Amino acid sequence: MPKILLVFIILFQFNLLYSQKDSPKFSESSIKQDENLKIFYDCQYCDVTFIKQNLGQVEFMRDRKFAEVHVLITSQRNGSGGDQFMIQFIGIGKMSKFSDTLKYSTDPTMTNDETRRLQLKYIELGLMRFLLEKGLGDEINLSFNSSKQEEAIDVKDPWKNWVFRLSANGWFNGQETSNNSNMNGSFSARRVTEKNKFNLWSNLSQNRSKYSFGGEEIITFQQNMNLYMSDVFSLNKHLSTGIFSDVQNSIYSNYNLSTGIRAAIEYDLFPYSESATKQAVVYYTIGPRYNDYIDTTLYNKSTELVFEHSILVGTSINQKWGNVRASVKYQNYLNDFELNSISFDLNLNVRIFKGFSWQINGRYSIQHNQINIVKPSGQSEIDLLLSQKQFKSGFNYWFSTGISYSFGSIYNTVVNPRLDF
């Protein structure tokens, strides 16, 4: 172990001397005003490498504190199945008098390269005024596509805003003592306009596993079928209403058939036009549900009709300091208020101070509404170990948290992809 540590120290010192030899010495205070525009690029799921390699006349800063422009990118799903992106250009320091917001949309037929090039284009457009203020106007080249006159505002869409999607996949793995196969297929139809949002989604999956031990074989089989439909109507800038319906079949959840329909209403404290940056909603649903069970339940039911309702309070914020999404949901069956559940969801990412950020993701549910659970006489140890059937549980949770701290050079423009594979 001491020899490994000694080698590591020697390599570290060699790397430090090498970097000092090849890098010019300068202090942060010596940075001249006529150098490249300093930006803090803030996007969670973007192709950072491509943007760094193709965006000229800028210097990417590791920390917002040292930047002149904070480029904050957020997105949400659009009607075609693509994404609507919103890019906020937030001036910092001497640039704080400038701010701008640009929006653009992608569609599901676009490749990753087309998506990232479109983003690059809009970032370049949004940075123009900052580059001019920086004194880099001579470095800007503009070109316009004037070969075609602008078409009429009313676009003829033969699909009438409908978007359809089909998918099928399977995966297989195994070894001498076990093998597993999984098949999955889905279909969706979606139509989104300013006034109405319709969504139909279906899925069928099958999973088969075989285990061999001591001359015995154990075979497990799972099948799930889901059909989901929603139709949502916009009433005004803050209020929406809709109808939700679902049908499912699940061996694990003890359903031959479970189907329900619910009416819903939602109020957003902020206008829906600001949903990419902030939302604060109250959401209520109510409706009947019919269950046909595979095995008799804990409550001695083989079939039953129940009425359920739920209320959710949630918020979502995307700002320069980070993002948070949190909600609390309460649900119960109207025929017995003791059959209820409450769940808490949280997704949090906060930049505490220079180079230091904190993330929390999790859900915690208290549940007393598992009316579908099979009687203990219909369960076995194998069902539990192999997750063949759902067992009664008063709560469930998952949780993750972490911190990250980075320090060192404030610049991170250079991209070096060597030996990344």
Protein backbone atom coordinates (compact mmCIF):
# COMPACT_ATOMS: atom_id res chain seq x y z
CA MET A 1 0.00 0.00 0.00
CA PRO A 2 2.81 2.56 0.81
CA LYS A 3 4.37 1.86 -2.62
CA ILE A 4 1.06 2.60 -4.39
CA LEU A 5 0.70 5.83 -2.41
CA LEU A 6 4.28 6.85 -3.30
CA VAL A 7 3.63 6.27 -7.01
CA PHE A 8 0.43 8.31 -6.81
CA ILE A 9 2.28 11.24 -5.15
CA ILE A 10 5.03 11.18 -7.79
CA LEU A 11 2.49 11.16 -10.64
CA PHE A 12 0.51 14.00 -9.05
CA GLN A 13 3.64 16.16 -8.63
CA PHE A 14 4.71 15.45 -12.21
CA ASN A 15 1.27 16.46 -13.50
CA LEU A 16 1.35 19.64 -11.40
CA LEU A 17 4.81 20.63 -12.72
CA TYR A 18 3.74 19.84 -16.28
CA SER A 19 0.63 21.99 -16.02
CA GLN A 20 2.61 24.89 -14.50
CA LYS A 21 5.15 24.67 -17.31
CA ASP A 22 2.59 24.73 -20.13
CA SER A 23 0.06 27.16 -18.63
CA PRO A 24 0.55 30.94 -18.45
CA LYS A 25 0.37 32.41 -14.96
CA PHE A 26 -2.33 35.01 -14.34
CA SER A 27 -4.58 36.16 -11.52
CA GLU A 28 -8.34 36.57 -11.63
CA SER A 29 -7.94 40.33 -11.24
CA SER A 30 -5.82 40.55 -14.38
CA ILE A 31 -8.60 39.36 -16.72
CA LYS A 32 -9.16 42.10 -19.32
CA GLN A 33 -12.59 43.41 -20.21
CA ASP A 34 -12.08 42.89 -23.97
CA GLU A 35 -11.65 39.11 -23.64
CA ASN A 36 -14.34 36.55 -24.47
CA LEU A 37 -17.76 36.81 -22.89
CA LYS A 38 -17.85 34.74 -19.69
CA ILE A 39 -20.98 32.58 -19.37
CA PHE A 40 -22.29 30.05 -16.86
CA TYR A 41 -24.04 27.34 -18.87
CA ASP A 42 -26.78 25.80 -16.72
CA CYS A 43 -28.62 22.88 -18.36
CA GLN A 44 -29.23 19.50 -16.73
CA TYR A 45 -29.78 17.27 -19.79
CA CYS A 46 -28.01 19.10 -22.62
CA ASP A 47 -25.00 18.12 -24.73
CA VAL A 48 -22.48 20.29 -22.89
CA THR A 49 -19.52 19.01 -24.91
CA PHE A 50 -21.10 19.97 -28.25
CA ILE A 51 -22.00 23.47 -27.04
CA LYS A 52 -18.47 24.07 -25.73
CA GLN A 53 -16.93 22.88 -28.97
CA ASN A 54 -19.11 25.03 -31.23
CA LEU A 55 -20.02 28.20 -29.35
CA GLY A 56 -17.40 30.85 -30.15
CA GLN A 57 -16.38 34.11 -28.47
CA VAL A 58 -17.33 32.86 -25.00
CA GLU A 59 -15.52 31.48 -22.00
CA PHE A 60 -17.38 28.84 -19.97
CA MET A 61 -17.09 29.44 -16.23
CA ARG A 62 -17.25 26.68 -13.66
CA ASP A 63 -19.11 28.87 -11.18
CA ARG A 64 -21.83 31.46 -11.69
CA LYS A 65 -19.97 33.92 -9.45
CA PHE A 66 -17.31 34.54 -12.10
CA ALA A 67 -19.65 34.74 -15.11
CA GLU A 68 -21.13 37.75 -16.88
CA VAL A 69 -24.16 35.88 -18.23
CA HIS A 70 -26.09 33.00 -16.66
CA VAL A 71 -27.58 30.85 -19.45
CA LEU A 72 -30.37 28.89 -17.74
CA ILE A 73 -32.17 26.26 -19.85
CA THR A 74 -35.37 24.49 -18.79
CA SER A 75 -37.75 22.29 -20.77
CA GLN A 76 -41.18 20.68 -20.67
CA ARG A 77 -42.97 18.20 -22.93
CA ASN A 78 -44.82 19.70 -25.89
CA GLY A 79 -47.87 18.44 -27.77
CA SER A 80 -45.96 16.64 -30.53
CA GLY A 81 -44.03 14.47 -28.08
CA GLY A 82 -40.93 16.65 -28.33
CA ASP A 83 -39.87 19.37 -25.90
CA GLN A 84 -40.36 23.09 -25.53
CA PHE A 85 -37.15 24.71 -24.33
CA MET A 86 -36.89 28.05 -22.58
CA ILE A 87 -33.49 29.76 -22.43
CA GLN A 88 -33.07 32.59 -19.93
CA PHE A 89 -30.12 34.94 -20.41
CA ILE A 90 -29.50 36.57 -17.03
CA GLY A 91 -26.92 39.34 -16.90
CA ILE A 92 -24.53 39.40 -13.95
CA GLY A 93 -22.47 42.31 -12.59
CA LYS A 94 -21.97 44.97 -15.25
CA MET A 95 -24.30 42.96 -17.52
CA SER A 96 -27.15 42.86 -14.98
CA LYS A 97 -29.05 45.55 -16.90
CA PHE A 98 -29.63 42.98 -19.65
CA SER A 99 -31.90 39.95 -19.54
CA ASP A 100 -33.79 38.03 -22.17
CA THR A 101 -35.82 34.86 -22.70
CA LEU A 102 -36.07 32.78 -25.87
CA LYS A 103 -38.31 29.76 -26.52
CA TYR A 104 -38.15 27.07 -29.17
CA SER A 105 -39.58 23.59 -29.67
CA THR A 106 -38.33 20.24 -30.94
CA ASP A 107 -40.32 17.31 -32.30
CA PRO A 108 -39.82 13.56 -31.69
CA THR A 109 -38.58 12.97 -35.25
CA MET A 110 -35.49 15.13 -34.70
CA THR A 111 -32.15 13.43 -34.12
CA ASN A 112 -29.88 14.32 -31.20
CA ASP A 113 -27.66 16.27 -33.57
CA GLU A 114 -30.58 18.32 -34.91
CA THR A 115 -31.73 19.04 -31.36
CA ARG A 116 -28.35 20.25 -30.13
CA ARG A 117 -27.72 22.37 -33.25
CA LEU A 118 -31.08 24.07 -32.79
CA GLN A 119 -30.15 24.84 -29.18
CA LEU A 120 -26.79 26.22 -30.29
CA LYS A 121 -28.55 28.54 -32.73
CA TYR A 122 -30.83 29.99 -30.05
CA ILE A 123 -27.99 30.42 -27.57
CA GLU A 124 -26.04 32.37 -30.20
CA LEU A 125 -29.07 34.56 -30.87
CA GLY A 126 -29.64 35.26 -27.19
CA LEU A 127 -26.01 36.20 -26.53
CA MET A 128 -25.88 38.86 -29.27
CA ARG A 129 -26.64 41.88 -27.08
CA PHE A 130 -24.15 40.69 -24.45
CA LEU A 131 -21.43 40.24 -27.07
CA LEU A 132 -22.10 43.74 -28.38
CA GLU A 133 -21.92 45.19 -24.88
CA LYS A 134 -18.64 43.32 -24.40
CA GLY A 135 -17.21 45.00 -27.49
CA LEU A 136 -17.12 41.86 -29.64
CA GLY A 137 -19.38 43.17 -32.41
CA ASP A 138 -16.61 42.85 -35.00
CA GLU A 139 -16.49 39.09 -34.37
CA ILE A 140 -20.19 38.56 -35.18
CA ASN A 141 -21.31 37.39 -38.61
CA LEU A 142 -25.00 37.40 -39.52
CA SER A 143 -26.80 35.64 -42.36
CA PHE A 144 -30.48 35.43 -43.24
CA ASN A 145 -32.32 32.91 -45.35
CA SER A 146 -34.22 35.19 -47.73
CA SER A 147 -34.77 32.67 -50.52
CA LYS A 148 -38.38 32.14 -49.48
CA GLN A 149 -41.06 34.56 -48.47
CA GLU A 150 -42.64 33.95 -45.10
CA GLU A 151 -45.52 31.55 -45.48
CA ALA A 152 -49.00 32.25 -44.21
CA ILE A 153 -49.46 32.21 -40.45
CA ASP A 154 -52.08 29.46 -40.65
CA VAL A 155 -50.10 26.24 -41.07
CA LYS A 156 -51.88 23.36 -42.78
CA ASP A 157 -51.44 20.27 -40.66
CA PRO A 158 -52.80 17.07 -42.24
CA TRP A 159 -52.45 15.29 -38.89
CA LYS A 160 -54.52 17.92 -37.03
CA ASN A 161 -51.97 17.97 -34.14
CA TRP A 162 -52.23 14.21 -33.59
CA VAL A 163 -49.03 12.33 -32.76
CA PHE A 164 -48.88 8.51 -32.66
CA ARG A 165 -46.16 6.24 -31.33
CA LEU A 166 -45.60 2.45 -31.49
CA SER A 167 -42.80 0.60 -29.71
CA ALA A 168 -41.79 -2.99 -28.99
CA ASN A 169 -38.71 -4.40 -27.32
CA GLY A 170 -37.39 -7.47 -25.59
CA TRP A 171 -34.34 -8.46 -23.59
CA PHE A 172 -32.96 -11.85 -22.62
CA ASN A 173 -30.22 -12.98 -20.27
CA GLY A 174 -29.19 -16.20 -18.60
CA GLN A 175 -26.56 -18.47 -17.14
CA GLU A 176 -26.38 -22.19 -16.33
CA THR A 177 -28.70 -22.01 -13.32
CA SER A 178 -31.14 -19.29 -14.41
CA ASN A 179 -32.50 -17.40 -17.39
CA ASN A 180 -34.86 -14.51 -17.88
CA SER A 181 -36.87 -13.02 -20.73
CA ASN A 182 -38.87 -9.80 -20.91
CA MET A 183 -41.13 -8.60 -23.72
CA ASN A 184 -42.74 -5.19 -23.84
CA GLY A 185 -44.94 -3.30 -26.31
CA SER A 186 -46.73 0.04 -26.16
CA PHE A 187 -48.93 2.38 -28.19
CA SER A 188 -49.79 6.02 -27.64
CA ALA A 189 -51.91 8.69 -29.30
CA ARG A 190 -51.64 12.31 -28.25
CA ARG A 191 -53.14 15.62 -29.32
CA VAL A 192 -52.26 18.90 -27.62
CA THR A 193 -53.61 22.37 -28.34
CA GLU A 194 -53.90 25.50 -26.20
CA LYS A 195 -57.48 24.56 -25.27
CA ASN A 196 -57.34 20.78 -25.05
CA LYS A 197 -54.88 17.99 -24.21
CA PHE A 198 -55.81 14.39 -25.04
CA ASN A 199 -53.60 11.40 -24.28
CA LEU A 200 -54.13 7.67 -24.84
CA TRP A 201 -51.44 5.21 -23.76
CA SER A 202 -51.35 1.41 -23.56
CA ASN A 203 -48.68 -1.06 -22.53
CA LEU A 204 -48.32 -4.84 -22.37
CA SER A 205 -45.35 -6.52 -20.69
CA GLN A 206 -44.45 -10.12 -19.88
CA ASN A 207 -41.57 -11.40 -17.79
CA ARG A 208 -40.57 -15.06 -17.42
CA SER A 209 -37.77 -16.36 -15.16
CA LYS A 210 -36.51 -19.88 -14.54
CA TYR A 211 -34.20 -20.92 -11.67
CA SER A 212 -32.53 -24.33 -11.29
CA PHE A 213 -31.16 -25.48 -7.95
CA GLY A 214 -30.53 -28.94 -6.51
CA GLY A 215 -32.33 -30.67 -9.36
CA GLU A 216 -35.44 -28.50 -8.89
CA GLU A 217 -36.78 -25.81 -11.16
CA ILE A 218 -38.71 -22.70 -10.15
CA ILE A 219 -40.51 -20.78 -12.89
CA THR A 220 -42.02 -17.33 -12.33
CA PHE A 221 -44.27 -15.44 -14.72
CA GLN A 222 -45.44 -11.85 -14.59
CA GLN A 223 -47.83 -10.09 -16.93
CA ASN A 224 -49.08 -6.52 -16.83
CA MET A 225 -51.49 -4.72 -19.11
CA ASN A 226 -52.30 -1.03 -18.78
CA LEU A 227 -54.56 1.32 -20.70
CA TYR A 228 -54.68 4.98 -19.74
CA MET A 229 -56.71 7.87 -21.14
CA SER A 230 -56.93 11.54 -20.19
CA ASP A 231 -58.77 14.50 -21.68
CA VAL A 232 -57.90 17.91 -20.19
CA PHE A 233 -59.56 21.24 -20.98
CA SER A 234 -58.19 24.74 -20.39
CA LEU A 235 -60.73 27.04 -18.70
CA ASN A 236 -58.55 30.11 -18.19
CA LYS A 237 -54.96 31.11 -17.34
CA HIS A 238 -55.14 29.42 -13.92
CA LEU A 239 -57.87 26.77 -14.06
CA SER A 240 -58.19 23.41 -15.86
CA THR A 241 -60.54 20.45 -15.72
CA GLY A 242 -60.45 16.97 -17.17
CA ILE A 243 -61.44 13.30 -17.19
CA PHE A 244 -59.06 10.41 -16.46
CA SER A 245 -59.68 6.73 -17.07
CA ASP A 246 -57.56 3.58 -16.76
CA VAL A 247 -57.78 -0.18 -17.20
CA GLN A 248 -55.20 -2.61 -15.85
CA ASN A 249 -54.46 -6.29 -15.44
CA SER A 250 -51.65 -7.35 -13.10
CA ILE A 251 -50.71 -10.70 -11.58
CA TYR A 252 -48.45 -8.96 -9.05
CA SER A 253 -51.22 -6.58 -7.89
CA ASN A 254 -53.91 -9.34 -7.90
CA TYR A 255 -56.04 -7.77 -10.64
CA ASN A 256 -57.88 -9.74 -13.28
CA LEU A 257 -59.32 -6.36 -14.10
CA SER A 258 -59.20 -2.96 -12.43
CA THR A 259 -60.85 -0.01 -14.14
CA GLY A 260 -61.80 3.46 -12.99
CA ILE A 261 -62.86 6.88 -14.22
CA ARG A 262 -62.21 10.15 -12.43
CA ALA A 263 -63.18 13.78 -12.89
CA ALA A 264 -60.44 16.29 -12.05
CA ILE A 265 -59.95 20.00 -11.52
CA GLU A 266 -56.70 21.91 -11.06
CA TYR A 267 -55.85 25.47 -10.04
CA ASP A 268 -52.40 26.97 -10.60
CA LEU A 269 -51.50 30.04 -8.56
CA PHE A 270 -49.31 31.22 -11.44
CA PRO A 271 -50.40 31.48 -15.09
CA TYR A 272 -49.77 28.27 -17.04
CA SER A 273 -47.59 30.30 -19.43
CA GLU A 274 -44.98 30.43 -16.64
CA SER A 275 -45.00 26.67 -15.99
CA ALA A 276 -41.41 26.21 -17.23
CA THR A 277 -40.11 28.31 -14.33
CA LYS A 278 -42.72 28.00 -11.58
CA GLN A 279 -45.97 26.27 -10.63
CA ALA A 280 -48.05 26.05 -7.45
CA VAL A 281 -51.09 23.82 -7.95
CA VAL A 282 -54.01 22.31 -6.09
CA TYR A 283 -55.38 19.24 -7.87
CA TYR A 284 -58.55 17.27 -6.95
CA THR A 285 -59.99 14.05 -8.46
CA ILE A 286 -63.05 11.90 -7.69
CA GLY A 287 -64.69 8.87 -9.31
CA PRO A 288 -65.67 5.16 -9.15
CA ARG A 289 -63.41 2.10 -9.55
CA TYR A 290 -64.33 -1.54 -10.25
CA ASN A 291 -61.94 -4.34 -9.22
CA ASP A 292 -62.09 -8.02 -10.20
CA TYR A 293 -59.44 -9.87 -8.20
CA ILE A 294 -57.44 -12.98 -9.10
CA ASP A 295 -57.48 -14.28 -5.49
CA THR A 296 -59.74 -13.37 -2.57
CA THR A 297 -58.44 -10.30 -0.75
CA LEU A 298 -57.79 -9.60 2.92
CA TYR A 299 -61.28 -8.10 3.06
CA ASN A 300 -62.88 -11.28 1.63
CA LYS A 301 -63.64 -9.65 -1.70
CA SER A 302 -63.42 -11.25 -5.12
CA THR A 303 -65.01 -8.25 -6.86
CA GLU A 304 -66.03 -4.82 -5.60
CA LEU A 305 -67.07 -1.33 -6.66
CA VAL A 306 -65.57 1.55 -4.68
CA PHE A 307 -65.47 5.34 -4.94
CA GLU A 308 -62.17 7.13 -4.46
CA HIS A 309 -61.02 10.72 -4.31
CA SER A 310 -57.68 12.45 -3.88
CA ILE A 311 -56.20 15.91 -3.44
CA LEU A 312 -52.67 16.99 -4.33
CA VAL A 313 -50.81 20.18 -3.45
CA GLY A 314 -47.57 20.68 -5.34
CA THR A 315 -44.99 23.21 -6.43
CA SER A 316 -42.28 23.32 -9.06
CA ILE A 317 -39.58 26.00 -9.33
CA ASN A 318 -36.67 26.35 -11.78
CA GLN A 319 -34.46 29.32 -10.99
CA LYS A 320 -30.81 30.34 -11.18
CA TRP A 321 -30.14 28.96 -7.69
CA GLY A 322 -31.38 25.49 -8.62
CA ASN A 323 -34.69 23.68 -8.90
CA VAL A 324 -37.25 22.06 -6.65
CA ARG A 325 -40.35 19.94 -7.23
CA ALA A 326 -42.42 18.88 -4.23
CA SER A 327 -45.93 17.57 -3.63
CA VAL A 328 -48.22 16.08 -0.99
CA LYS A 329 -51.08 13.77 -2.03
CA TYR A 330 -53.92 12.39 0.09
CA GLN A 331 -56.27 9.62 -1.15
CA ASN A 332 -59.05 7.57 0.42
CA TYR A 333 -62.07 5.43 -0.48
CA LEU A 334 -65.37 7.15 0.26
CA ASN A 335 -67.03 3.98 1.55
CA ASP A 336 -64.44 3.72 4.37
CA PHE A 337 -62.32 6.74 5.34
CA GLU A 338 -59.92 4.47 7.23
CA LEU A 339 -58.78 3.16 3.82
CA ASN A 340 -56.48 6.04 3.00
CA SER A 341 -52.95 6.97 2.01
CA ILE A 342 -50.73 10.02 2.05
CA SER A 343 -47.52 10.43 0.07
CA PHE A 344 -44.74 13.01 -0.01
CA ASP A 345 -42.52 13.59 -3.06
CA LEU A 346 -39.43 15.79 -3.25
CA ASN A 347 -36.84 16.52 -5.92
CA LEU A 348 -34.40 19.24 -4.88
CA ASN A 349 -31.15 20.53 -6.35
CA VAL A 350 -29.74 23.67 -4.72
CA ARG A 351 -26.53 25.58 -5.33
CA ILE A 352 -25.64 26.56 -1.75
CA PHE A 353 -22.52 28.60 -2.46
CA LYS A 354 -19.58 28.71 -4.84
CA GLY A 355 -18.90 25.20 -6.10
CA PHE A 356 -21.16 23.52 -3.52
CA SER A 357 -24.53 21.96 -4.36
CA TRP A 358 -26.96 19.66 -2.55
CA GLN A 359 -29.42 17.16 -4.05
CA ILE A 360 -32.37 15.35 -2.47
CA ASN A 361 -34.74 12.96 -4.25
CA GLY A 362 -37.30 10.76 -2.61
CA ARG A 363 -40.80 9.61 -1.81
CA TYR A 364 -42.42 8.46 1.41
CA SER A 365 -45.93 6.98 1.52
CA ILE A 366 -48.12 5.96 4.45
CA GLN A 367 -50.69 3.55 3.07
CA HIS A 368 -53.78 1.96 4.60
CA ASN A 369 -55.67 1.50 1.35
CA GLN A 370 -54.30 -1.77 -0.08
CA ILE A 371 -57.67 -3.36 -0.74
CA ASN A 372 -56.17 -5.60 -3.43
CA ILE A 373 -53.80 -7.61 -1.18
CA VAL A 374 -54.26 -11.40 -1.24
CA LYS A 375 -55.12 -13.26 1.97
CA PRO A 376 -52.06 -14.64 3.82
CA SER A 377 -53.25 -18.16 3.00
CA GLY A 378 -52.80 -17.33 -0.68
CA GLN A 379 -49.22 -16.11 -0.27
CA SER A 380 -45.93 -17.94 0.12
CA GLU A 381 -42.32 -17.22 0.96
CA ILE A 382 -41.42 -17.68 -2.70
CA ASP A 383 -43.98 -15.01 -3.66
CA LEU A 384 -42.19 -12.57 -1.37
CA LEU A 385 -38.62 -13.47 -2.35
CA LEU A 386 -39.33 -13.45 -6.09
CA SER A 387 -41.79 -10.51 -5.98
CA GLN A 388 -44.56 -12.65 -7.42
CA LYS A 389 -47.32 -10.99 -5.41
CA GLN A 390 -47.77 -7.72 -3.60
CA PHE A 391 -47.67 -7.96 0.21
CA LYS A 392 -49.33 -5.67 2.71
CA SER A 393 -47.15 -2.83 3.96
CA GLY A 394 -48.06 0.17 6.09
CA PHE A 395 -45.49 2.34 4.34
CA ASN A 396 -42.98 2.42 1.52
CA TYR A 397 -40.19 4.80 0.63
CA TRP A 398 -37.17 5.48 -1.50
CA PHE A 399 -34.67 8.23 -0.82
CA SER A 400 -31.37 9.54 -2.10
CA THR A 401 -29.28 12.54 -1.14
CA GLY A 402 -25.85 13.81 -1.90
CA ILE A 403 -23.56 16.80 -2.00
CA SER A 404 -20.94 17.87 -4.48
CA TYR A 405 -18.15 20.40 -4.14
CA SER A 406 -15.80 21.44 -6.87
CA PHE A 407 -12.83 23.78 -6.65
CA GLY A 408 -9.88 24.80 -8.75
CA SER A 409 -9.78 26.68 -12.05
CA ILE A 410 -12.80 28.87 -12.72
CA TYR A 411 -12.56 28.08 -16.45
CA ASN A 412 -13.95 24.91 -18.04
CA THR A 413 -14.10 25.68 -21.76
CA VAL A 414 -11.61 23.03 -22.93
CA VAL A 415 -13.00 19.69 -24.12
CA ASN A 416 -10.72 16.63 -24.34
CA PRO A 417 -12.51 13.39 -25.30
CA ARG A 418 -9.40 11.18 -25.53
CA LEU A 419 -9.75 7.65 -24.09
CA ASP A 420 -13.34 8.33 -22.96
CA PHE A 421 -14.45 4.94 -24.29
